PDB file of N, CA and C in Angstrom:
ATOM      1  N   MET A   1     110.344  32.233   9.370  1.00  0.00           N
ATOM      2  CA  MET A   1     111.146  32.607  10.552  1.00  0.00           C
ATOM      3  C   MET A   1     112.209  31.528  10.732  1.00  0.00           C
ATOM      4  N   HIS A   2     113.449  31.954  11.041  1.00  0.00           N
ATOM      5  CA  HIS A   2     114.590  31.042  11.033  1.00  0.00           C
ATOM      6  C   HIS A   2     114.515  30.156  12.259  1.00  0.00           C
ATOM      7  N   VAL A   3     113.904  30.567  13.421  1.00  0.00           N
ATOM      8  CA  VAL A   3     113.773  29.647  14.558  1.00  0.00           C
ATOM      9  C   VAL A   3     113.052  28.355  14.359  1.00  0.00           C
ATOM     10  N   LEU A   4     111.751  28.735  13.621  1.00  0.00           N
ATOM     11  CA  LEU A   4     110.719  27.789  13.585  1.00  0.00           C
ATOM     12  C   LEU A   4     111.441  26.688  12.438  1.00  0.00           C
ATOM     13  N   ARG A   5     112.232  27.087  11.445  1.00  0.00           N
ATOM     14  CA  ARG A   5     112.850  26.332  10.518  1.00  0.00           C
ATOM     15  C   ARG A   5     113.959  25.263  11.192  1.00  0.00           C
ATOM     16  N   TRP A   6     114.611  26.016  12.262  1.00  0.00           N
ATOM     17  CA  TRP A   6     115.640  25.107  12.806  1.00  0.00           C
ATOM     18  C   TRP A   6     114.911  24.063  13.729  1.00  0.00           C
ATOM     19  N   ILE A   7     113.819  24.505  14.327  1.00  0.00           N
ATOM     20  CA  ILE A   7     113.079  23.399  15.177  1.00  0.00           C
ATOM     21  C   ILE A   7     112.658  22.345  14.325  1.00  0.00           C
ATOM     22  N   SER A   8     112.035  22.705  13.372  1.00  0.00           N
ATOM     23  CA  SER A   8     111.557  21.586  12.395  1.00  0.00           C
ATOM     24  C   SER A   8     112.673  20.664  11.986  1.00  0.00           C
ATOM     25  N   ILE A   9     113.768  21.286  11.536  1.00  0.00           N
ATOM     26  CA  ILE A   9     114.984  20.398  11.090  1.00  0.00           C
ATOM     27  C   ILE A   9     115.317  19.439  12.355  1.00  0.00           C
ATOM     28  N   LEU A  10     115.492  20.001  13.455  1.00  0.00           N
ATOM     29  CA  LEU A  10     116.032  19.258  14.733  1.00  0.00           C
ATOM     30  C   LEU A  10     114.903  18.229  15.036  1.00  0.00           C
ATOM     31  N   LEU A  11     113.658  18.529  14.952  1.00  0.00           N
ATOM     32  CA  LEU A  11     112.613  17.434  15.117  1.00  0.00           C
ATOM     33  C   LEU A  11     112.894  16.379  14.153  1.00  0.00           C
ATOM     34  N   ARG A  12     113.071  16.624  12.904  1.00  0.00           N
ATOM     35  CA  ARG A  12     113.112  15.553  11.968  1.00  0.00           C
ATOM     36  C   ARG A  12     114.326  14.630  12.191  1.00  0.00           C
ATOM     37  N   ARG A  13     115.475  15.467  12.735  1.00  0.00           N
ATOM     38  CA  ARG A  13     116.809  14.729  12.976  1.00  0.00           C
ATOM     39  C   ARG A  13     116.709  13.976  14.393  1.00  0.00           C
ATOM     40  N   SER A  14     115.820  14.251  15.112  1.00  0.00           N
ATOM     41  CA  SER A  14     115.818  13.813  16.530  1.00  0.00           C
ATOM     42  C   SER A  14     116.881  14.212  17.334  1.00  0.00           C
ATOM     43  N   ASP A  15     117.579  15.521  17.217  1.00  0.00           N
ATOM     44  CA  ASP A  15     118.590  15.949  17.988  1.00  0.00           C
ATOM     45  C   ASP A  15     117.893  16.458  19.346  1.00  0.00           C
ATOM     46  N   THR A  16     117.485  15.625  20.233  1.00  0.00           N
ATOM     47  CA  THR A  16     116.918  16.123  21.431  1.00  0.00           C
ATOM     48  C   THR A  16     117.591  17.060  22.312  1.00  0.00           C
ATOM     49  N   HIS A  17     118.907  16.837  22.278  1.00  0.00           N
ATOM     50  CA  HIS A  17     119.712  17.683  23.241  1.00  0.00           C
ATOM     51  C   HIS A  17     119.977  19.216  22.706  1.00  0.00           C
ATOM     52  N   VAL A  18     120.008  19.053  21.429  1.00  0.00           N
ATOM     53  CA  VAL A  18     120.130  20.423  20.747  1.00  0.00           C
ATOM     54  C   VAL A  18     118.996  21.251  20.747  1.00  0.00           C
ATOM     55  N   LEU A  19     117.783  20.462  20.472  1.00  0.00           N
ATOM     56  CA  LEU A  19     116.462  21.160  20.601  1.00  0.00           C
ATOM     57  C   LEU A  19     116.137  21.633  21.902  1.00  0.00           C
ATOM     58  N   LEU A  20     116.342  20.863  22.964  1.00  0.00           N
ATOM     59  CA  LEU A  20     116.159  21.287  24.214  1.00  0.00           C
ATOM     60  C   LEU A  20     116.971  22.653  24.549  1.00  0.00           C
ATOM     61  N   ALA A  21     118.163  22.602  24.138  1.00  0.00           N
ATOM     62  CA  ALA A  21     119.114  23.811  24.386  1.00  0.00           C
ATOM     63  C   ALA A  21     118.472  25.151  23.542  1.00  0.00           C
ATOM     64  N   VAL A  22     118.091  24.819  22.393  1.00  0.00           N
ATOM     65  CA  VAL A  22     117.336  26.155  21.534  1.00  0.00           C
ATOM     66  C   VAL A  22     116.152  26.387  22.327  1.00  0.00           C
ATOM     67  N   LEU A  23     115.248  25.558  22.707  1.00  0.00           N
ATOM     68  CA  LEU A  23     113.859  25.932  23.384  1.00  0.00           C
ATOM     69  C   LEU A  23     114.199  26.552  24.636  1.00  0.00           C
ATOM     70  N   GLY A  24     115.355  26.051  25.403  1.00  0.00           N
ATOM     71  CA  GLY A  24     115.730  26.790  26.668  1.00  0.00           C
ATOM     72  C   GLY A  24     116.126  28.109  26.488  1.00  0.00           C
ATOM     73  N   GLY A  25     116.833  28.475  25.501  1.00  0.00           N
ATOM     74  CA  GLY A  25     117.326  29.763  25.021  1.00  0.00           C
ATOM     75  C   GLY A  25     116.188  30.642  24.654  1.00  0.00           C
ATOM     76  N   LEU A  26     115.395  30.189  24.035  1.00  0.00           N
ATOM     77  CA  LEU A  26     114.062  30.932  23.649  1.00  0.00           C
ATOM     78  C   LEU A  26     113.236  31.258  24.886  1.00  0.00           C
ATOM     79  N   LEU A  27     113.097  30.325  25.697  1.00  0.00           N
ATOM     80  CA  LEU A  27     112.252  30.551  26.964  1.00  0.00           C
ATOM     81  C   LEU A  27     113.130  31.694  27.705  1.00  0.00           C
ATOM     82  N   ALA A  28     114.255  31.558  27.896  1.00  0.00           N
ATOM     83  CA  ALA A  28     115.136  32.524  28.560  1.00  0.00           C
ATOM     84  C   ALA A  28     114.991  33.980  28.040  1.00  0.00           C
ATOM     85  N   GLY A  29     114.736  34.244  26.993  1.00  0.00           N
ATOM     86  CA  GLY A  29     114.827  35.507  26.359  1.00  0.00           C
ATOM     87  C   GLY A  29     114.802  35.725  24.883  1.00  0.00           C
ATOM     88  N   GLY A  30     114.793  34.628  24.398  1.00  0.00           N
ATOM     89  CA  GLY A  30     114.797  34.819  22.788  1.00  0.00           C
ATOM     90  C   GLY A  30     116.194  34.386  22.129  1.00  0.00           C
ATOM     91  N   ALA A  31     117.086  34.096  22.883  1.00  0.00           N
ATOM     92  CA  ALA A  31     118.406  33.637  22.445  1.00  0.00           C
ATOM     93  C   ALA A  31     119.155  32.914  23.589  1.00  0.00           C
ATOM     94  N   LEU A  32     120.145  32.128  23.167  1.00  0.00           N
ATOM     95  CA  LEU A  32     120.991  31.361  24.230  1.00  0.00           C
ATOM     96  C   LEU A  32     121.652  32.370  24.942  1.00  0.00           C
ATOM     97  N   ALA A  33     121.723  32.104  26.245  1.00  0.00           N
ATOM     98  CA  ALA A  33     122.244  32.835  27.282  1.00  0.00           C
ATOM     99  C   ALA A  33     123.570  33.530  26.842  1.00  0.00           C
ATOM    100  N   ALA A  34     123.955  34.639  27.057  1.00  0.00           N
ATOM    101  CA  ALA A  34     125.219  35.187  26.768  1.00  0.00           C
ATOM    102  C   ALA A  34     125.921  35.635  27.986  1.00  0.00           C
ATOM    103  N   SER A  35     127.243  35.903  27.964  1.00  0.00           N
ATOM    104  CA  SER A  35     127.861  36.324  29.205  1.00  0.00           C
ATOM    105  C   SER A  35     127.274  37.730  29.787  1.00  0.00           C
ATOM    106  N   PRO A  36     127.413  37.812  30.955  1.00  0.00           N
ATOM    107  CA  PRO A  36     127.092  39.335  31.464  1.00  0.00           C
ATOM    108  C   PRO A  36     127.819  40.397  30.879  1.00  0.00           C
ATOM    109  N   TYR A  37     126.936  41.463  30.629  1.00  0.00           N
ATOM    110  CA  TYR A  37     127.692  42.606  30.327  1.00  0.00           C
ATOM    111  C   TYR A  37     128.670  43.164  31.390  1.00  0.00           C
ATOM    112  N   GLN A  38     129.572  43.667  30.931  1.00  0.00           N
ATOM    113  CA  GLN A  38     130.746  44.181  32.109  1.00  0.00           C
ATOM    114  C   GLN A  38     130.631  45.660  32.314  1.00  0.00           C
ATOM    115  N   ILE A  39     130.497  46.068  33.536  1.00  0.00           N
ATOM    116  CA  ILE A  39     130.413  47.380  34.075  1.00  0.00           C
ATOM    117  C   ILE A  39     131.742  47.738  34.996  1.00  0.00           C
ATOM    118  N   SER A  40     132.725  48.466  34.473  1.00  0.00           N
ATOM    119  CA  SER A  40     133.763  48.760  35.350  1.00  0.00           C
ATOM    120  C   SER A  40     133.508  49.847  36.310  1.00  0.00           C
ATOM    121  N   GLN A  41     133.938  49.688  37.343  1.00  0.00           N
ATOM    122  CA  GLN A  41     133.882  50.734  38.407  1.00  0.00           C
ATOM    123  C   GLN A  41     135.302  51.331  38.595  1.00  0.00           C
ATOM    124  N   LYS A  42     135.634  52.472  37.963  1.00  0.00           N
ATOM    125  CA  LYS A  42     137.068  52.951  37.926  1.00  0.00           C
ATOM    126  C   LYS A  42     136.897  54.636  37.762  1.00  0.00           C
ATOM    127  N   ASN A  43     137.975  55.067  38.596  1.00  0.00           N
ATOM    128  CA  ASN A  43     138.020  56.563  38.645  1.00  0.00           C
ATOM    129  C   ASN A  43     136.785  57.018  39.064  1.00  0.00           C
ATOM    130  N   ARG A  44     136.157  56.503  40.045  1.00  0.00           N
ATOM    131  CA  ARG A  44     134.989  56.724  40.794  1.00  0.00           C
ATOM    132  C   ARG A  44     133.849  57.138  39.809  1.00  0.00           C
ATOM    133  N   GLU A  45     133.774  56.209  38.680  1.00  0.00           N
ATOM    134  CA  GLU A  45     132.694  56.390  37.767  1.00  0.00           C
ATOM    135  C   GLU A  45     132.348  54.931  37.378  1.00  0.00           C
ATOM    136  N   PHE A  46     131.106  54.650  36.943  1.00  0.00           N
ATOM    137  CA  PHE A  46     130.654  53.496  36.214  1.00  0.00           C
ATOM    138  C   PHE A  46     130.978  53.704  34.874  1.00  0.00           C
ATOM    139  N   GLN A  47     131.772  52.624  34.171  1.00  0.00           N
ATOM    140  CA  GLN A  47     132.060  52.689  32.876  1.00  0.00           C
ATOM    141  C   GLN A  47     131.481  51.445  32.067  1.00  0.00           C
ATOM    142  N   PRO A  48     130.706  51.645  31.201  1.00  0.00           N
ATOM    143  CA  PRO A  48     130.056  52.888  30.597  1.00  0.00           C
ATOM    144  C   PRO A  48     129.091  53.332  31.670  1.00  0.00           C
ATOM    145  N   GLY A  49     128.555  54.607  31.386  1.00  0.00           N
ATOM    146  CA  GLY A  49     127.537  55.359  32.239  1.00  0.00           C
ATOM    147  C   GLY A  49     126.205  55.152  32.038  1.00  0.00           C
ATOM    148  N   HIS A  50     125.956  54.537  30.722  1.00  0.00           N
ATOM    149  CA  HIS A  50     124.681  54.075  30.275  1.00  0.00           C
ATOM    150  C   HIS A  50     124.754  52.757  29.447  1.00  0.00           C
ATOM    151  N   ILE A  51     123.648  51.920  29.756  1.00  0.00           N
ATOM    152  CA  ILE A  51     123.626  50.701  28.936  1.00  0.00           C
ATOM    153  C   ILE A  51     122.301  50.323  28.593  1.00  0.00           C
ATOM    154  N   ALA A  52     121.967  49.742  27.566  1.00  0.00           N
ATOM    155  CA  ALA A  52     120.709  49.135  27.279  1.00  0.00           C
ATOM    156  C   ALA A  52     120.597  47.425  27.166  1.00  0.00           C
ATOM    157  N   ILE A  53     119.943  46.993  27.960  1.00  0.00           N
ATOM    158  CA  ILE A  53     119.900  45.577  28.023  1.00  0.00           C
ATOM    159  C   ILE A  53     118.403  44.812  27.758  1.00  0.00           C
ATOM    160  N   ASN A  54     118.408  43.744  27.611  1.00  0.00           N
ATOM    161  CA  ASN A  54     116.964  43.033  27.588  1.00  0.00           C
ATOM    162  C   ASN A  54     116.747  42.366  28.977  1.00  0.00           C
ATOM    163  N   ARG A  55     115.331  42.396  29.181  1.00  0.00           N
ATOM    164  CA  ARG A  55     114.858  41.752  30.568  1.00  0.00           C
ATOM    165  C   ARG A  55     115.556  40.345  30.633  1.00  0.00           C
ATOM    166  N   GLY A  56     116.018  40.017  31.813  1.00  0.00           N
ATOM    167  CA  GLY A  56     116.699  38.710  31.974  1.00  0.00           C
ATOM    168  C   GLY A  56     118.131  38.595  31.649  1.00  0.00           C
ATOM    169  N   GLU A  57     118.692  39.721  31.273  1.00  0.00           N
ATOM    170  CA  GLU A  57     120.151  39.669  30.961  1.00  0.00           C
ATOM    171  C   GLU A  57     120.675  40.197  32.305  1.00  0.00           C
ATOM    172  N   ALA A  58     122.250  39.913  32.457  1.00  0.00           N
ATOM    173  CA  ALA A  58     122.824  40.301  33.655  1.00  0.00           C
ATOM    174  C   ALA A  58     123.932  41.429  33.289  1.00  0.00           C
ATOM    175  N   LEU A  59     124.246  42.169  34.283  1.00  0.00           N
ATOM    176  CA  LEU A  59     125.516  43.040  34.418  1.00  0.00           C
ATOM    177  C   LEU A  59     126.479  42.446  35.448  1.00  0.00           C
ATOM    178  N   ARG A  60     127.678  42.615  35.153  1.00  0.00           N
ATOM    179  CA  ARG A  60     128.725  42.226  36.030  1.00  0.00           C
ATOM    180  C   ARG A  60     129.486  43.350  36.447  1.00  0.00           C
ATOM    181  N   PHE A  61     129.395  43.680  37.625  1.00  0.00           N
ATOM    182  CA  PHE A  61     130.040  45.037  38.154  1.00  0.00           C
ATOM    183  C   PHE A  61     131.455  44.584  38.665  1.00  0.00           C
ATOM    184  N   ILE A  62     132.471  45.323  38.167  1.00  0.00           N
ATOM    185  CA  ILE A  62     133.864  45.022  38.481  1.00  0.00           C
ATOM    186  C   ILE A  62     134.535  46.119  39.120  1.00  0.00           C
ATOM    187  N   ASN A  63     135.052  45.974  40.387  1.00  0.00           N
ATOM    188  CA  ASN A  63     135.645  47.066  40.914  1.00  0.00           C
ATOM    189  C   ASN A  63     137.135  47.137  40.379  1.00  0.00           C
ATOM    190  N   ASP A  64     137.366  48.060  39.474  1.00  0.00           N
ATOM    191  CA  ASP A  64     138.879  48.176  38.989  1.00  0.00           C
ATOM    192  C   ASP A  64     139.383  49.341  39.402  1.00  0.00           C
ATOM    193  N   ASP A  65     139.119  49.975  40.501  1.00  0.00           N
ATOM    194  CA  ASP A  65     139.710  50.968  41.145  1.00  0.00           C
ATOM    195  C   ASP A  65     140.913  50.516  42.149  1.00  0.00           C
ATOM    196  N   GLY A  66     142.043  50.852  41.824  1.00  0.00           N
ATOM    197  CA  GLY A  66     143.085  50.258  42.552  1.00  0.00           C
ATOM    198  C   GLY A  66     143.037  49.962  44.137  1.00  0.00           C
ATOM    199  N   ASP A  67     142.479  50.971  44.834  1.00  0.00           N
ATOM    200  CA  ASP A  67     142.506  50.921  46.291  1.00  0.00           C
ATOM    201  C   ASP A  67     141.238  51.517  47.016  1.00  0.00           C
ATOM    202  N   LEU A  68     140.142  51.687  46.011  1.00  0.00           N
ATOM    203  CA  LEU A  68     138.975  52.258  46.597  1.00  0.00           C
ATOM    204  C   LEU A  68     137.852  51.222  46.765  1.00  0.00           C
ATOM    205  N   LEU A  69     137.163  51.276  47.725  1.00  0.00           N
ATOM    206  CA  LEU A  69     135.809  50.432  48.022  1.00  0.00           C
ATOM    207  C   LEU A  69     134.729  50.905  46.879  1.00  0.00           C
ATOM    208  N   HIS A  70     133.832  50.247  46.489  1.00  0.00           N
ATOM    209  CA  HIS A  70     132.668  50.753  45.946  1.00  0.00           C
ATOM    210  C   HIS A  70     131.403  49.976  46.400  1.00  0.00           C
ATOM    211  N   HIS A  71     130.200  50.499  46.227  1.00  0.00           N
ATOM    212  CA  HIS A  71     129.049  49.720  46.973  1.00  0.00           C
ATOM    213  C   HIS A  71     127.908  50.144  45.939  1.00  0.00           C
ATOM    214  N   ALA A  72     127.788  49.365  44.974  1.00  0.00           N
ATOM    215  CA  ALA A  72     126.622  49.540  43.971  1.00  0.00           C
ATOM    216  C   ALA A  72     125.384  49.048  44.559  1.00  0.00           C
ATOM    217  N   TYR A  73     124.232  49.897  44.298  1.00  0.00           N
ATOM    218  CA  TYR A  73     122.934  49.533  44.726  1.00  0.00           C
ATOM    219  C   TYR A  73     121.913  50.019  43.884  1.00  0.00           C
ATOM    220  N   LEU A  74     120.705  49.717  43.706  1.00  0.00           N
ATOM    221  CA  LEU A  74     119.508  50.208  43.115  1.00  0.00           C
ATOM    222  C   LEU A  74     118.291  49.932  44.031  1.00  0.00           C
ATOM    223  N   THR A  75     117.408  50.735  44.099  1.00  0.00           N
ATOM    224  CA  THR A  75     116.217  50.699  44.880  1.00  0.00           C
ATOM    225  C   THR A  75     115.186  51.290  44.013  1.00  0.00           C
ATOM    226  N   SER A  76     114.144  50.411  43.665  1.00  0.00           N
ATOM    227  CA  SER A  76     113.003  50.883  42.872  1.00  0.00           C
ATOM    228  C   SER A  76     111.758  50.110  43.394  1.00  0.00           C
ATOM    229  N   PRO A  77     110.528  50.521  42.981  1.00  0.00           N
ATOM    230  CA  PRO A  77     109.451  49.797  43.284  1.00  0.00           C
ATOM    231  C   PRO A  77     109.335  48.431  42.799  1.00  0.00           C
ATOM    232  N   THR A  78     109.955  48.230  41.612  1.00  0.00           N
ATOM    233  CA  THR A  78     109.913  46.760  41.016  1.00  0.00           C
ATOM    234  C   THR A  78     111.158  45.951  40.976  1.00  0.00           C
ATOM    235  N   PHE A  79     112.335  46.634  41.445  1.00  0.00           N
ATOM    236  CA  PHE A  79     113.440  45.674  41.487  1.00  0.00           C
ATOM    237  C   PHE A  79     114.526  46.517  42.346  1.00  0.00           C
ATOM    238  N   SER A  80     115.196  45.785  43.220  1.00  0.00           N
ATOM    239  CA  SER A  80     116.242  46.403  44.012  1.00  0.00           C
ATOM    240  C   SER A  80     117.506  45.302  44.108  1.00  0.00           C
ATOM    241  N   PHE A  81     118.677  45.916  44.342  1.00  0.00           N
ATOM    242  CA  PHE A  81     119.799  45.012  44.599  1.00  0.00           C
ATOM    243  C   PHE A  81     120.760  45.822  45.423  1.00  0.00           C
ATOM    244  N   ASP A  82     121.784  45.329  46.158  1.00  0.00           N
ATOM    245  CA  ASP A  82     122.836  45.740  46.820  1.00  0.00           C
ATOM    246  C   ASP A  82     123.884  44.974  47.086  1.00  0.00           C
ATOM    247  N   SER A  83     125.108  45.628  46.437  1.00  0.00           N
ATOM    248  CA  SER A  83     126.322  44.757  46.270  1.00  0.00           C
ATOM    249  C   SER A  83     127.102  44.611  47.605  1.00  0.00           C
ATOM    250  N   ASN A  84     126.678  45.463  48.544  1.00  0.00           N
ATOM    251  CA  ASN A  84     127.478  45.546  49.834  1.00  0.00           C
ATOM    252  C   ASN A  84     128.812  46.037  49.377  1.00  0.00           C
ATOM    253  N   ASP A  85     129.656  46.291  50.327  1.00  0.00           N
ATOM    254  CA  ASP A  85     131.074  46.822  49.966  1.00  0.00           C
ATOM    255  C   ASP A  85     131.884  45.928  49.129  1.00  0.00           C
ATOM    256  N   GLN A  86     132.273  46.491  48.116  1.00  0.00           N
ATOM    257  CA  GLN A  86     133.129  45.784  47.043  1.00  0.00           C
ATOM    258  C   GLN A  86     134.573  46.039  47.085  1.00  0.00           C
ATOM    259  N   LYS A  87     135.482  45.154  47.459  1.00  0.00           N
ATOM    260  CA  LYS A  87     136.882  45.520  47.510  1.00  0.00           C
ATOM    261  C   LYS A  87     137.418  45.466  46.067  1.00  0.00           C
ATOM    262  N   PRO A  88     138.531  46.239  46.014  1.00  0.00           N
ATOM    263  CA  PRO A  88     139.209  46.183  44.642  1.00  0.00           C
ATOM    264  C   PRO A  88     139.502  44.983  44.088  1.00  0.00           C
ATOM    265  N   GLY A  89     139.316  44.572  42.916  1.00  0.00           N
ATOM    266  CA  GLY A  89     139.434  43.483  42.201  1.00  0.00           C
ATOM    267  C   GLY A  89     138.290  42.438  42.200  1.00  0.00           C
ATOM    268  N   THR A  90     137.354  42.732  43.017  1.00  0.00           N
ATOM    269  CA  THR A  90     136.256  41.893  43.084  1.00  0.00           C
ATOM    270  C   THR A  90     134.988  42.181  42.130  1.00  0.00           C
ATOM    271  N   SER A  91     134.125  41.391  41.904  1.00  0.00           N
ATOM    272  CA  SER A  91     132.947  41.624  41.036  1.00  0.00           C
ATOM    273  C   SER A  91     131.789  40.847  41.690  1.00  0.00           C
ATOM    274  N   PHE A  92     130.557  41.297  41.140  1.00  0.00           N
ATOM    275  CA  PHE A  92     129.318  40.809  41.280  1.00  0.00           C
ATOM    276  C   PHE A  92     128.432  40.856  40.243  1.00  0.00           C
ATOM    277  N   THR A  93     127.519  39.844  40.060  1.00  0.00           N
ATOM    278  CA  THR A  93     126.656  39.824  38.877  1.00  0.00           C
ATOM    279  C   THR A  93     125.324  39.986  39.324  1.00  0.00           C
ATOM    280  N   VAL A  94     124.448  40.778  38.611  1.00  0.00           N
ATOM    281  CA  VAL A  94     122.999  41.018  38.907  1.00  0.00           C
ATOM    282  C   VAL A  94     122.143  40.784  37.641  1.00  0.00           C
ATOM    283  N   VAL A  95     121.191  39.922  37.662  1.00  0.00           N
ATOM    284  CA  VAL A  95     120.127  39.770  36.591  1.00  0.00           C
ATOM    285  C   VAL A  95     119.091  40.692  36.764  1.00  0.00           C
ATOM    286  N   PHE A  96     118.722  41.382  35.692  1.00  0.00           N
ATOM    287  CA  PHE A  96     117.630  42.517  35.707  1.00  0.00           C
ATOM    288  C   PHE A  96     116.462  41.833  35.132  1.00  0.00           C
ATOM    289  N   PRO A  97     115.501  41.473  36.039  1.00  0.00           N
ATOM    290  CA  PRO A  97     114.411  40.578  35.671  1.00  0.00           C
ATOM    291  C   PRO A  97     113.074  41.287  35.149  1.00  0.00           C
ATOM    292  N   VAL A  98     113.068  42.716  35.382  1.00  0.00           N
ATOM    293  CA  VAL A  98     111.882  43.415  34.830  1.00  0.00           C
ATOM    294  C   VAL A  98     112.344  44.538  33.928  1.00  0.00           C
ATOM    295  N   ALA A  99     111.378  44.886  33.049  1.00  0.00           N
ATOM    296  CA  ALA A  99     111.787  46.057  32.005  1.00  0.00           C
ATOM    297  C   ALA A  99     111.504  47.341  32.998  1.00  0.00           C
ATOM    298  N   GLY A 100     112.230  48.334  32.391  1.00  0.00           N
ATOM    299  CA  GLY A 100     112.249  49.626  32.787  1.00  0.00           C
ATOM    300  C   GLY A 100     113.479  50.350  32.806  1.00  0.00           C
ATOM    301  N   SER A 101     113.516  51.787  33.428  1.00  0.00           N
ATOM    302  CA  SER A 101     114.718  52.567  33.400  1.00  0.00           C
ATOM    303  C   SER A 101     115.056  52.597  34.815  1.00  0.00           C
ATOM    304  N   PHE A 102     116.355  52.295  35.103  1.00  0.00           N
ATOM    305  CA  PHE A 102     116.912  52.146  36.296  1.00  0.00           C
ATOM    306  C   PHE A 102     118.107  53.100  36.555  1.00  0.00           C
ATOM    307  N   THR A 103     118.333  53.501  37.827  1.00  0.00           N
ATOM    308  CA  THR A 103     119.714  54.275  38.068  1.00  0.00           C
ATOM    309  C   THR A 103     120.369  53.577  39.129  1.00  0.00           C
ATOM    310  N   VAL A 104     121.711  53.024  38.899  1.00  0.00           N
ATOM    311  CA  VAL A 104     122.484  52.269  39.918  1.00  0.00           C
ATOM    312  C   VAL A 104     123.309  53.351  40.428  1.00  0.00           C
ATOM    313  N   ARG A 105     123.551  53.434  41.693  1.00  0.00           N
ATOM    314  CA  ARG A 105     124.486  54.495  42.418  1.00  0.00           C
ATOM    315  C   ARG A 105     125.532  53.594  43.142  1.00  0.00           C
ATOM    316  N   CYS A 106     126.515  54.394  43.669  1.00  0.00           N
ATOM    317  CA  CYS A 106     127.386  53.792  44.624  1.00  0.00           C
ATOM    318  C   CYS A 106     127.307  54.559  45.932  1.00  0.00           C
ATOM    319  N   GLY A 107     127.048  53.704  46.914  1.00  0.00           N
ATOM    320  CA  GLY A 107     126.831  54.221  48.178  1.00  0.00           C
ATOM    321  C   GLY A 107     128.006  54.840  48.886  1.00  0.00           C
ATOM    322  N   ILE A 108     129.232  54.796  48.353  1.00  0.00           N
ATOM    323  CA  ILE A 108     130.291  55.321  48.928  1.00  0.00           C
ATOM    324  C   ILE A 108     130.699  56.574  48.197  1.00  0.00           C
ATOM    325  N   HIS A 109     130.408  56.733  46.881  1.00  0.00           N
ATOM    326  CA  HIS A 109     130.691  57.787  45.890  1.00  0.00           C
ATOM    327  C   HIS A 109     129.522  58.251  45.234  1.00  0.00           C
ATOM    328  N   PRO A 110     128.746  59.234  46.028  1.00  0.00           N
ATOM    329  CA  PRO A 110     127.465  59.669  45.496  1.00  0.00           C
ATOM    330  C   PRO A 110     127.295  60.235  44.093  1.00  0.00           C
ATOM    331  N   LYS A 111     128.478  60.774  43.473  1.00  0.00           N
ATOM    332  CA  LYS A 111     128.415  61.142  42.160  1.00  0.00           C
ATOM    333  C   LYS A 111     128.261  60.117  41.110  1.00  0.00           C
ATOM    334  N   MET A 112     128.763  58.795  41.491  1.00  0.00           N
ATOM    335  CA  MET A 112     128.701  57.699  40.621  1.00  0.00           C
ATOM    336  C   MET A 112     127.120  57.284  40.231  1.00  0.00           C
ATOM    337  N   LYS A 113     126.954  57.220  39.006  1.00  0.00           N
ATOM    338  CA  LYS A 113     125.531  56.896  38.445  1.00  0.00           C
ATOM    339  C   LYS A 113     125.657  56.006  37.143  1.00  0.00           C
ATOM    340  N   LEU A 114     124.877  55.131  37.026  1.00  0.00           N
ATOM    341  CA  LEU A 114     124.736  54.361  35.951  1.00  0.00           C
ATOM    342  C   LEU A 114     123.290  54.250  35.478  1.00  0.00           C
ATOM    343  N   THR A 115     122.890  54.328  34.310  1.00  0.00           N
ATOM    344  CA  THR A 115     121.454  54.323  33.979  1.00  0.00           C
ATOM    345  C   THR A 115     121.313  53.090  33.020  1.00  0.00           C
ATOM    346  N   VAL A 116     120.542  52.328  33.430  1.00  0.00           N
ATOM    347  CA  VAL A 116     120.244  50.985  32.837  1.00  0.00           C
ATOM    348  C   VAL A 116     118.742  50.895  32.241  1.00  0.00           C
ATOM    349  N   LYS A 117     118.762  50.834  30.845  1.00  0.00           N
ATOM    350  CA  LYS A 117     117.489  50.715  30.093  1.00  0.00           C
ATOM    351  C   LYS A 117     117.300  49.320  29.911  1.00  0.00           C
ATOM    352  N   VAL A 118     116.175  48.643  30.558  1.00  0.00           N
ATOM    353  CA  VAL A 118     115.894  47.324  30.308  1.00  0.00           C
ATOM    354  C   VAL A 118     114.660  47.119  29.556  1.00  0.00           C
ATOM    355  N   ASN A 119     114.714  46.537  28.334  1.00  0.00           N
ATOM    356  CA  ASN A 119     113.742  46.375  27.408  1.00  0.00           C
ATOM    357  C   ASN A 119     112.942  45.076  27.584  1.00  0.00           C
TER     358      ASN A 119
END
């Protein structure tokens, strides 16, 4: 396994800072943290409309609709969030801490729907 090989090399070289960064990334989900996935809210749609991510990864919701408010929310027994009203040009980021299939909706535009599959 490549990860174990890297760790053994780093231990021999005593690169403590690098080793801690690698181990921190592994504990956070198996890889070093990446930028959040971007979800555009435009033309009264979530774009893309479906996404698959891993537990612990984040989605950044961006209101790209010129003059429309949006209000993304999710309510489930295991995980919930609410963006409150989002003015055009604003964004918010949410981490998905549990696995499952979730449907994100807009409280202002009921036809808007985003399906999030969290592995």
